[in-house]
Amino acid sequence: MTESADISGADRNFDKVTSAIDALLKIVEEETAAIRKSGVAEIETFSERKGQALMSFNRFIGAGLPSSLTNTCVSKLEVLRKALDVNRSLLQIHIDAVNEVSQIIVRCVQDSQADGTYAQPRQSHGQY
């Protein structure tokens, strides 16, 4: 295959790649807005949509892009990266909150199940 044939194939693929980037950005922005509005109730739906969009992106990017068009993709990817950073930060806040609540629940369950068998004797006013 000649270099010109490779470039024309990459040119045809360029629209698919940029569309895939745009689709990813849209999903990430929708998820971020949903998190800000009501938390992460639809996390599975967004995860599935992001996974599908990433598979499309990977499939299209595998065909390559000519260097003259790379700047456009780089700009779009930079916007996507920033959106992902915000999205990740909001998701991390929720993950940390869930971890904290689960630790509280575990401590409560452990405390309620403790029968004192292995507990240290309590002192009350100098007596055991």
C-alpha atoms as a PDB file:
ATOM      1  CA  MET A   1       0.000   0.000   0.000  1.00  0.00           C
ATOM      2  CA  THR A   2       1.366   3.436  -0.852  1.00  0.00           C
ATOM      3  CA  GLU A   3       1.758   6.363   1.508  1.00  0.00           C
ATOM      4  CA  SER A   4      -0.978   8.331  -0.304  1.00  0.00           C
ATOM      5  CA  ALA A   5      -3.401   5.425   0.109  1.00  0.00           C
ATOM      6  CA  ASP A   6      -2.581   5.339   3.838  1.00  0.00           C
ATOM      7  CA  ILE A   7      -3.228   9.064   4.171  1.00  0.00           C
ATOM      8  CA  SER A   8      -6.562   8.948   2.317  1.00  0.00           C
ATOM      9  CA  GLY A   9      -7.676   6.088   4.568  1.00  0.00           C
ATOM     10  CA  ALA A  10      -6.636   8.108   7.610  1.00  0.00           C
ATOM     11  CA  ASP A  11      -8.494  11.133   6.215  1.00  0.00           C
ATOM     12  CA  ARG A  12     -11.675   9.066   5.964  1.00  0.00           C
ATOM     13  CA  ASN A  13     -11.089   7.792   9.476  1.00  0.00           C
ATOM     14  CA  PHE A  14     -10.532  11.297  10.865  1.00  0.00           C
ATOM     15  CA  ASP A  15     -14.252  12.089  10.997  1.00  0.00           C
ATOM     16  CA  LYS A  16     -14.912   8.842  12.843  1.00  0.00           C
ATOM     17  CA  VAL A  17     -12.170   9.579  15.370  1.00  0.00           C
ATOM     18  CA  THR A  18     -13.338  13.124  16.033  1.00  0.00           C
ATOM     19  CA  SER A  19     -16.938  11.905  16.321  1.00  0.00           C
ATOM     20  CA  ALA A  20     -15.819   9.283  18.827  1.00  0.00           C
ATOM     21  CA  ILE A  21     -13.987  11.932  20.867  1.00  0.00           C
ATOM     22  CA  ASP A  22     -17.058  14.169  20.750  1.00  0.00           C
ATOM     23  CA  ALA A  23     -19.267  11.259  21.861  1.00  0.00           C
ATOM     24  CA  LEU A  24     -16.955  10.517  24.796  1.00  0.00           C
ATOM     25  CA  LEU A  25     -16.934  14.177  25.790  1.00  0.00           C
ATOM     26  CA  LYS A  26     -20.730  14.348  25.667  1.00  0.00           C
ATOM     27  CA  ILE A  27     -21.093  11.269  27.881  1.00  0.00           C
ATOM     28  CA  VAL A  28     -18.527  12.526  30.400  1.00  0.00           C
ATOM     29  CA  GLU A  29     -20.190  15.943  30.559  1.00  0.00           C
ATOM     30  CA  GLU A  30     -23.629  14.344  31.018  1.00  0.00           C
ATOM     31  CA  GLU A  31     -22.308  12.133  33.814  1.00  0.00           C
ATOM     32  CA  THR A  32     -20.603  15.080  35.503  1.00  0.00           C
ATOM     33  CA  ALA A  33     -23.833  17.088  35.371  1.00  0.00           C
ATOM     34  CA  ALA A  34     -25.806  14.149  36.769  1.00  0.00           C
ATOM     35  CA  ILE A  35     -23.306  13.711  39.618  1.00  0.00           C
ATOM     36  CA  ARG A  36     -23.547  17.380  40.485  1.00  0.00           C
ATOM     37  CA  LYS A  37     -27.339  17.256  40.389  1.00  0.00           C
ATOM     38  CA  SER A  38     -28.174  14.036  42.188  1.00  0.00           C
ATOM     39  CA  GLY A  39     -25.109  11.933  42.894  1.00  0.00           C
ATOM     40  CA  VAL A  40     -24.117   8.753  41.095  1.00  0.00           C
ATOM     41  CA  ALA A  41     -27.446   6.941  40.838  1.00  0.00           C
ATOM     42  CA  GLU A  42     -26.914   6.018  37.171  1.00  0.00           C
ATOM     43  CA  ILE A  43     -23.269   5.009  37.465  1.00  0.00           C
ATOM     44  CA  GLU A  44     -23.702   1.671  35.679  1.00  0.00           C
ATOM     45  CA  THR A  45     -25.431   3.295  32.705  1.00  0.00           C
ATOM     46  CA  PHE A  46     -22.725   5.919  32.340  1.00  0.00           C
ATOM     47  CA  SER A  47     -19.958   3.343  32.768  1.00  0.00           C
ATOM     48  CA  GLU A  48     -21.457   1.210  30.026  1.00  0.00           C
ATOM     49  CA  ARG A  49     -21.867   4.179  27.682  1.00  0.00           C
ATOM     50  CA  LYS A  50     -18.293   5.328  28.321  1.00  0.00           C
ATOM     51  CA  GLY A  51     -16.995   1.806  27.707  1.00  0.00           C
ATOM     52  CA  GLN A  52     -18.802   1.561  24.379  1.00  0.00           C
ATOM     53  CA  ALA A  53     -17.569   4.997  23.303  1.00  0.00           C
ATOM     54  CA  LEU A  54     -13.998   4.096  24.275  1.00  0.00           C
ATOM     55  CA  MET A  55     -14.185   0.889  22.235  1.00  0.00           C
ATOM     56  CA  SER A  56     -15.320   2.897  19.205  1.00  0.00           C
ATOM     57  CA  PHE A  57     -12.575   5.430  19.745  1.00  0.00           C
ATOM     58  CA  ASN A  58      -9.913   2.723  20.039  1.00  0.00           C
ATOM     59  CA  ARG A  59     -11.176   0.994  16.906  1.00  0.00           C
ATOM     60  CA  PHE A  60     -11.080   4.202  14.867  1.00  0.00           C
ATOM     61  CA  ILE A  61      -7.787   5.502  16.250  1.00  0.00           C
ATOM     62  CA  GLY A  62      -6.154   2.179  15.365  1.00  0.00           C
ATOM     63  CA  ALA A  63      -6.424   3.101  11.678  1.00  0.00           C
ATOM     64  CA  GLY A  64      -4.188   6.116  12.321  1.00  0.00           C
ATOM     65  CA  LEU A  65      -4.344   9.799  11.507  1.00  0.00           C
ATOM     66  CA  PRO A  66      -2.219  11.892   9.177  1.00  0.00           C
ATOM     67  CA  SER A  67       0.043  14.290  11.061  1.00  0.00           C
ATOM     68  CA  SER A  68      -1.600  17.333   9.443  1.00  0.00           C
ATOM     69  CA  LEU A  69      -4.851  16.479  11.245  1.00  0.00           C
ATOM     70  CA  THR A  70      -3.353  15.520  14.559  1.00  0.00           C
ATOM     71  CA  ASN A  71      -3.562  19.058  15.996  1.00  0.00           C
ATOM     72  CA  THR A  72      -7.346  18.998  15.748  1.00  0.00           C
ATOM     73  CA  CYS A  73      -7.502  15.670  17.542  1.00  0.00           C
ATOM     74  CA  VAL A  74      -5.003  16.813  20.149  1.00  0.00           C
ATOM     75  CA  SER A  75      -7.168  19.858  20.916  1.00  0.00           C
ATOM     76  CA  LYS A  76     -10.288  17.714  21.247  1.00  0.00           C
ATOM     77  CA  LEU A  77      -8.430  15.210  23.402  1.00  0.00           C
ATOM     78  CA  GLU A  78      -7.198  18.005  25.654  1.00  0.00           C
ATOM     79  CA  VAL A  79     -10.782  19.177  26.215  1.00  0.00           C
ATOM     80  CA  LEU A  80     -11.786  15.572  26.900  1.00  0.00           C
ATOM     81  CA  ARG A  81      -8.911  15.128  29.358  1.00  0.00           C
ATOM     82  CA  LYS A  82      -9.978  18.217  31.314  1.00  0.00           C
ATOM     83  CA  ALA A  83     -13.582  17.002  31.406  1.00  0.00           C
ATOM     84  CA  LEU A  84     -12.375  13.587  32.607  1.00  0.00           C
ATOM     85  CA  ASP A  85     -10.321  15.231  35.363  1.00  0.00           C
ATOM     86  CA  VAL A  86     -13.396  17.046  36.684  1.00  0.00           C
ATOM     87  CA  ASN A  87     -15.470  13.871  36.348  1.00  0.00           C
ATOM     88  CA  ARG A  88     -12.843  11.805  38.175  1.00  0.00           C
ATOM     89  CA  SER A  89     -12.670  14.341  41.006  1.00  0.00           C
ATOM     90  CA  LEU A  90     -16.430  14.237  41.539  1.00  0.00           C
ATOM     91  CA  LEU A  91     -16.508  10.437  41.374  1.00  0.00           C
ATOM     92  CA  GLN A  92     -13.642  10.272  43.884  1.00  0.00           C
ATOM     93  CA  ILE A  93     -15.603  12.411  46.335  1.00  0.00           C
ATOM     94  CA  HIS A  94     -18.464   9.925  46.143  1.00  0.00           C
ATOM     95  CA  ILE A  95     -16.129   6.929  46.433  1.00  0.00           C
ATOM     96  CA  ASP A  96     -14.511   8.439  49.528  1.00  0.00           C
ATOM     97  CA  ALA A  97     -17.938   9.106  51.063  1.00  0.00           C
ATOM     98  CA  VAL A  98     -19.085   5.539  50.388  1.00  0.00           C
ATOM     99  CA  ASN A  99     -15.878   4.181  51.941  1.00  0.00           C
ATOM    100  CA  GLU A 100     -16.357   6.334  55.012  1.00  0.00           C
ATOM    101  CA  VAL A 101     -19.977   5.274  55.465  1.00  0.00           C
ATOM    102  CA  SER A 102     -19.093   1.605  54.972  1.00  0.00           C
ATOM    103  CA  GLN A 103     -16.357   1.874  57.619  1.00  0.00           C
ATOM    104  CA  ILE A 104     -18.866   3.383  60.039  1.00  0.00           C
ATOM    105  CA  ILE A 105     -21.323   0.567  59.332  1.00  0.00           C
ATOM    106  CA  VAL A 106     -18.635  -2.087  59.816  1.00  0.00           C
ATOM    107  CA  ARG A 107     -17.607  -0.540  63.150  1.00  0.00           C
ATOM    108  CA  CYS A 108     -21.239  -0.397  64.294  1.00  0.00           C
ATOM    109  CA  VAL A 109     -21.828  -4.030  63.353  1.00  0.00           C
ATOM    110  CA  GLN A 110     -18.615  -5.120  65.052  1.00  0.00           C
ATOM    111  CA  ASP A 111     -19.478  -3.144  68.193  1.00  0.00           C
ATOM    112  CA  SER A 112     -22.989  -4.591  68.331  1.00  0.00           C
ATOM    113  CA  GLN A 113     -21.705  -8.146  67.905  1.00  0.00           C
ATOM    114  CA  ALA A 114     -18.981  -7.894  70.498  1.00  0.00           C
ATOM    115  CA  ASP A 115     -19.969  -9.932  73.532  1.00  0.00           C
ATOM    116  CA  GLY A 116     -17.083  -8.770  75.674  1.00  0.00           C
ATOM    117  CA  THR A 117     -15.389 -12.176  75.837  1.00  0.00           C
ATOM    118  CA  TYR A 118     -12.034 -10.841  74.757  1.00  0.00           C
ATOM    119  CA  ALA A 119     -12.479  -7.295  75.970  1.00  0.00           C
ATOM    120  CA  GLN A 120     -10.242  -5.853  78.665  1.00  0.00           C
ATOM    121  CA  PRO A 121     -11.939  -5.620  82.036  1.00  0.00           C
ATOM    122  CA  ARG A 122     -13.370  -2.200  82.754  1.00  0.00           C
ATOM    123  CA  GLN A 123     -12.300  -0.362  85.849  1.00  0.00           C
ATOM    124  CA  SER A 124     -14.824   1.587  87.743  1.00  0.00           C
ATOM    125  CA  HIS A 125     -13.568   3.646  90.635  1.00  0.00           C
ATOM    126  CA  GLY A 126     -10.531   1.507  91.187  1.00  0.00           C
ATOM    127  CA  GLN A 127     -12.395  -1.802  91.214  1.00  0.00           C
ATOM    128  CA  TYR A 128     -12.555  -4.553  88.606  1.00  0.00           C
END
